[in-house]
Amino acid sequence: MDDRIIQQYKEDEYIMIQLFVQWCMNHDLNPTELYDLAYPGQMKNEALLQAMEDSEKGSLEVDTETVLHVLQLFGNDDLAFIVSEKATQIK
């Protein structure tokens, strides 16, 4: 049971990363640059890099509110703050 819960969390977390990457790509922003702004000095995020390879600009429309909500659900408040700032600049 514990393994299943852990696996489900990892899958949900990857979906969050994919949504973030898709939002960035749709707004011509570099996901790794935004991630680095939120979490300076952290090692490469392999899931982020994989999501970038798996995503294509414009393949899915993701609104800012959805990205912010999902990021906050996973405790990525610093990244949500950066996304919010960039969204304000885009408007």
N, C-alpha and C. Protein backbone atom coordinates (compact mmCIF):
# COMPACT_ATOMS: atom_id res chain seq x y z
N MET A 1 0.82 -1.19 0.00
CA MET A 1 0.00 0.00 0.00
C MET A 1 0.87 1.26 0.00
N ASP A 2 1.91 1.28 0.84
CA ASP A 2 2.79 2.44 0.91
C ASP A 2 3.47 2.71 -0.43
N ASP A 3 3.90 1.65 -1.10
CA ASP A 3 4.56 1.81 -2.41
C ASP A 3 3.60 2.43 -3.42
N ARG A 4 2.34 2.04 -3.37
CA ARG A 4 1.35 2.58 -4.30
C ARG A 4 1.12 4.07 -4.04
N ILE A 5 1.06 4.46 -2.79
CA ILE A 5 0.87 5.87 -2.42
C ILE A 5 2.06 6.69 -2.90
N ILE A 6 3.26 6.18 -2.69
CA ILE A 6 4.47 6.87 -3.14
C ILE A 6 4.48 7.01 -4.65
N GLN A 7 4.14 5.93 -5.35
CA GLN A 7 4.11 5.96 -6.82
C GLN A 7 3.08 6.96 -7.33
N GLN A 8 1.91 7.00 -6.71
CA GLN A 8 0.87 7.93 -7.13
C GLN A 8 1.32 9.38 -6.91
N TYR A 9 1.99 9.64 -5.79
CA TYR A 9 2.49 10.98 -5.52
C TYR A 9 3.50 11.40 -6.59
N LYS A 10 4.40 10.49 -6.95
CA LYS A 10 5.41 10.79 -7.97
C LYS A 10 4.75 11.09 -9.31
N GLU A 11 3.72 10.33 -9.64
CA GLU A 11 3.00 10.56 -10.90
C GLU A 11 2.30 11.92 -10.88
N ASP A 12 1.66 12.23 -9.77
CA ASP A 12 0.98 13.52 -9.65
C ASP A 12 1.99 14.67 -9.68
N GLU A 13 3.13 14.48 -9.04
CA GLU A 13 4.17 15.50 -9.04
C GLU A 13 4.68 15.74 -10.46
N TYR A 14 4.82 14.69 -11.25
CA TYR A 14 5.29 14.85 -12.63
C TYR A 14 4.25 15.62 -13.46
N ILE A 15 2.98 15.37 -13.20
CA ILE A 15 1.93 16.13 -13.90
C ILE A 15 2.04 17.61 -13.56
N MET A 16 2.32 17.92 -12.28
CA MET A 16 2.53 19.31 -11.87
C MET A 16 3.69 19.92 -12.64
N ILE A 17 4.77 19.19 -12.76
CA ILE A 17 5.95 19.67 -13.48
C ILE A 17 5.61 19.89 -14.95
N GLN A 18 4.87 18.96 -15.54
CA GLN A 18 4.49 19.09 -16.95
C GLN A 18 3.64 20.35 -17.16
N LEU A 19 2.72 20.61 -16.26
CA LEU A 19 1.88 21.81 -16.38
C LEU A 19 2.72 23.08 -16.29
N PHE A 20 3.66 23.09 -15.36
CA PHE A 20 4.56 24.24 -15.23
C PHE A 20 5.37 24.44 -16.51
N VAL A 21 5.94 23.37 -17.01
CA VAL A 21 6.76 23.45 -18.23
C VAL A 21 5.91 23.93 -19.41
N GLN A 22 4.71 23.38 -19.54
CA GLN A 22 3.84 23.76 -20.66
C GLN A 22 3.48 25.23 -20.57
N TRP A 23 3.16 25.72 -19.37
CA TRP A 23 2.83 27.13 -19.18
C TRP A 23 4.02 27.99 -19.60
N CYS A 24 5.21 27.60 -19.15
CA CYS A 24 6.42 28.37 -19.52
C CYS A 24 6.62 28.39 -21.02
N MET A 25 6.53 27.24 -21.64
CA MET A 25 6.77 27.16 -23.08
C MET A 25 5.74 27.98 -23.85
N ASN A 26 4.50 27.95 -23.40
CA ASN A 26 3.45 28.71 -24.08
C ASN A 26 3.65 30.21 -23.95
N HIS A 27 4.44 30.63 -22.96
CA HIS A 27 4.71 32.05 -22.76
C HIS A 27 6.16 32.42 -23.09
N ASP A 28 6.80 31.54 -23.84
CA ASP A 28 8.19 31.76 -24.27
C ASP A 28 9.14 32.04 -23.10
N LEU A 29 8.94 31.30 -22.02
CA LEU A 29 9.80 31.40 -20.84
C LEU A 29 10.57 30.09 -20.68
N ASN A 30 11.77 30.19 -20.14
CA ASN A 30 12.59 29.02 -19.92
C ASN A 30 12.28 28.44 -18.54
N PRO A 31 11.72 27.22 -18.49
CA PRO A 31 11.36 26.63 -17.20
C PRO A 31 12.53 26.48 -16.23
N THR A 32 13.70 26.15 -16.73
CA THR A 32 14.85 25.98 -15.83
C THR A 32 15.29 27.31 -15.24
N GLU A 33 15.18 28.39 -16.01
CA GLU A 33 15.54 29.71 -15.49
C GLU A 33 14.59 30.12 -14.36
N LEU A 34 13.29 29.90 -14.55
CA LEU A 34 12.33 30.23 -13.51
C LEU A 34 12.54 29.36 -12.27
N TYR A 35 12.81 28.09 -12.50
CA TYR A 35 13.07 27.16 -11.39
C TYR A 35 14.30 27.61 -10.61
N ASP A 36 15.34 28.01 -11.33
CA ASP A 36 16.56 28.48 -10.68
C ASP A 36 16.34 29.78 -9.89
N LEU A 37 15.45 30.64 -10.37
CA LEU A 37 15.11 31.86 -9.62
C LEU A 37 14.43 31.50 -8.29
N ALA A 38 13.56 30.51 -8.35
CA ALA A 38 12.83 30.11 -7.15
C ALA A 38 13.70 29.32 -6.19
N TYR A 39 14.56 28.49 -6.73
CA TYR A 39 15.38 27.59 -5.92
C TYR A 39 16.85 27.69 -6.32
N PRO A 40 17.48 28.83 -6.04
CA PRO A 40 18.88 29.01 -6.46
C PRO A 40 19.80 28.00 -5.76
N GLY A 41 20.75 27.52 -6.53
CA GLY A 41 21.75 26.62 -5.97
C GLY A 41 21.35 25.17 -5.89
N GLN A 42 20.12 24.84 -6.27
CA GLN A 42 19.72 23.43 -6.24
C GLN A 42 20.30 22.70 -7.44
N MET A 43 20.45 21.41 -7.28
CA MET A 43 20.94 20.57 -8.37
C MET A 43 19.92 20.54 -9.50
N LYS A 44 20.35 20.06 -10.65
CA LYS A 44 19.44 19.91 -11.78
C LYS A 44 18.25 19.07 -11.37
N ASN A 45 17.09 19.47 -11.82
CA ASN A 45 15.88 18.72 -11.57
C ASN A 45 15.63 17.83 -12.78
N GLU A 46 15.92 16.56 -12.64
CA GLU A 46 15.80 15.63 -13.77
C GLU A 46 14.37 15.53 -14.29
N ALA A 47 13.40 15.58 -13.39
CA ALA A 47 12.00 15.50 -13.82
C ALA A 47 11.64 16.73 -14.66
N LEU A 48 12.18 17.88 -14.29
CA LEU A 48 11.94 19.11 -15.04
C LEU A 48 12.54 18.99 -16.45
N LEU A 49 13.76 18.49 -16.51
CA LEU A 49 14.41 18.32 -17.82
C LEU A 49 13.66 17.32 -18.68
N GLN A 50 13.16 16.24 -18.07
CA GLN A 50 12.39 15.24 -18.81
C GLN A 50 11.09 15.84 -19.32
N ALA A 51 10.42 16.61 -18.49
CA ALA A 51 9.17 17.24 -18.91
C ALA A 51 9.39 18.21 -20.06
N MET A 52 10.54 18.88 -20.05
CA MET A 52 10.86 19.79 -21.15
C MET A 52 11.03 19.03 -22.45
N GLU A 53 11.63 17.85 -22.37
CA GLU A 53 11.79 17.03 -23.57
C GLU A 53 10.45 16.50 -24.07
N ASP A 54 9.54 16.23 -23.13
CA ASP A 54 8.25 15.63 -23.46
C ASP A 54 7.22 16.65 -23.94
N SER A 55 7.50 17.93 -23.74
CA SER A 55 6.50 18.97 -24.03
C SER A 55 6.79 19.67 -25.35
N GLU A 56 5.72 20.19 -25.91
CA GLU A 56 5.81 20.94 -27.16
C GLU A 56 4.98 22.21 -27.03
N LYS A 57 5.55 23.33 -27.39
CA LYS A 57 4.85 24.61 -27.27
C LYS A 57 3.49 24.55 -27.95
N GLY A 58 2.48 25.01 -27.23
CA GLY A 58 1.14 25.09 -27.79
C GLY A 58 0.36 23.79 -27.81
N SER A 59 0.95 22.70 -27.34
CA SER A 59 0.25 21.42 -27.40
C SER A 59 -0.88 21.33 -26.38
N LEU A 60 -0.80 22.15 -25.33
CA LEU A 60 -1.83 22.18 -24.31
C LEU A 60 -1.92 23.58 -23.75
N GLU A 61 -3.10 24.14 -23.69
CA GLU A 61 -3.29 25.47 -23.12
C GLU A 61 -3.45 25.34 -21.62
N VAL A 62 -2.57 25.99 -20.87
CA VAL A 62 -2.60 25.94 -19.41
C VAL A 62 -2.70 27.37 -18.89
N ASP A 63 -3.76 27.64 -18.13
CA ASP A 63 -3.90 29.01 -17.63
C ASP A 63 -3.08 29.20 -16.35
N THR A 64 -2.78 30.43 -16.08
CA THR A 64 -1.91 30.80 -14.96
C THR A 64 -2.49 30.34 -13.62
N GLU A 65 -3.78 30.48 -13.44
CA GLU A 65 -4.40 30.10 -12.17
C GLU A 65 -4.22 28.61 -11.89
N THR A 66 -4.32 27.79 -12.92
CA THR A 66 -4.13 26.35 -12.76
C THR A 66 -2.72 26.03 -12.33
N VAL A 67 -1.75 26.65 -12.99
CA VAL A 67 -0.34 26.41 -12.64
C VAL A 67 -0.08 26.84 -11.20
N LEU A 68 -0.55 28.01 -10.83
CA LEU A 68 -0.33 28.50 -9.47
C LEU A 68 -0.96 27.56 -8.44
N HIS A 69 -2.17 27.13 -8.70
CA HIS A 69 -2.87 26.23 -7.78
C HIS A 69 -2.12 24.91 -7.61
N VAL A 70 -1.72 24.31 -8.71
CA VAL A 70 -1.03 23.02 -8.65
C VAL A 70 0.34 23.17 -7.97
N LEU A 71 1.07 24.22 -8.28
CA LEU A 71 2.36 24.43 -7.63
C LEU A 71 2.19 24.56 -6.12
N GLN A 72 1.19 25.30 -5.70
CA GLN A 72 0.96 25.49 -4.27
C GLN A 72 0.50 24.21 -3.60
N LEU A 73 -0.27 23.38 -4.30
CA LEU A 73 -0.69 22.09 -3.74
C LEU A 73 0.51 21.23 -3.37
N PHE A 74 1.57 21.34 -4.15
CA PHE A 74 2.77 20.54 -3.90
C PHE A 74 3.82 21.29 -3.08
N GLY A 75 3.43 22.43 -2.52
CA GLY A 75 4.33 23.17 -1.63
C GLY A 75 5.41 23.96 -2.34
N ASN A 76 5.23 24.21 -3.62
CA ASN A 76 6.20 24.98 -4.40
C ASN A 76 5.81 26.46 -4.40
N ASP A 77 5.71 27.02 -3.20
CA ASP A 77 5.27 28.40 -3.06
C ASP A 77 6.25 29.39 -3.68
N ASP A 78 7.54 29.11 -3.56
CA ASP A 78 8.54 30.01 -4.15
C ASP A 78 8.42 30.05 -5.67
N LEU A 79 8.21 28.89 -6.26
CA LEU A 79 8.06 28.82 -7.72
C LEU A 79 6.73 29.47 -8.13
N ALA A 80 5.69 29.27 -7.35
CA ALA A 80 4.40 29.91 -7.64
C ALA A 80 4.54 31.43 -7.61
N PHE A 81 5.33 31.94 -6.68
CA PHE A 81 5.57 33.38 -6.60
C PHE A 81 6.25 33.88 -7.87
N ILE A 82 7.26 33.15 -8.36
CA ILE A 82 7.97 33.54 -9.59
C ILE A 82 7.01 33.50 -10.77
N VAL A 83 6.20 32.46 -10.85
CA VAL A 83 5.22 32.35 -11.95
C VAL A 83 4.26 33.53 -11.89
N SER A 84 3.80 33.86 -10.71
CA SER A 84 2.88 34.98 -10.55
C SER A 84 3.51 36.29 -11.02
N GLU A 85 4.76 36.51 -10.65
CA GLU A 85 5.48 37.72 -11.09
C GLU A 85 5.60 37.76 -12.62
N LYS A 86 5.98 36.63 -13.21
CA LYS A 86 6.13 36.58 -14.67
C LYS A 86 4.79 36.78 -15.36
N ALA A 87 3.73 36.21 -14.80
CA ALA A 87 2.40 36.36 -15.40
C ALA A 87 1.98 37.83 -15.39
N THR A 88 2.31 38.55 -14.34
CA THR A 88 2.01 39.97 -14.26
C THR A 88 2.77 40.75 -15.33
N GLN A 89 4.02 40.37 -15.57
CA GLN A 89 4.83 41.04 -16.59
C GLN A 89 4.31 40.74 -18.00
N ILE A 90 3.74 39.57 -18.19
CA ILE A 90 3.25 39.16 -19.51
C ILE A 90 2.03 39.97 -19.89
N LYS A 91 1.17 40.26 -18.92
CA LYS A 91 -0.11 40.94 -19.21
C LYS A 91 0.08 42.30 -19.73
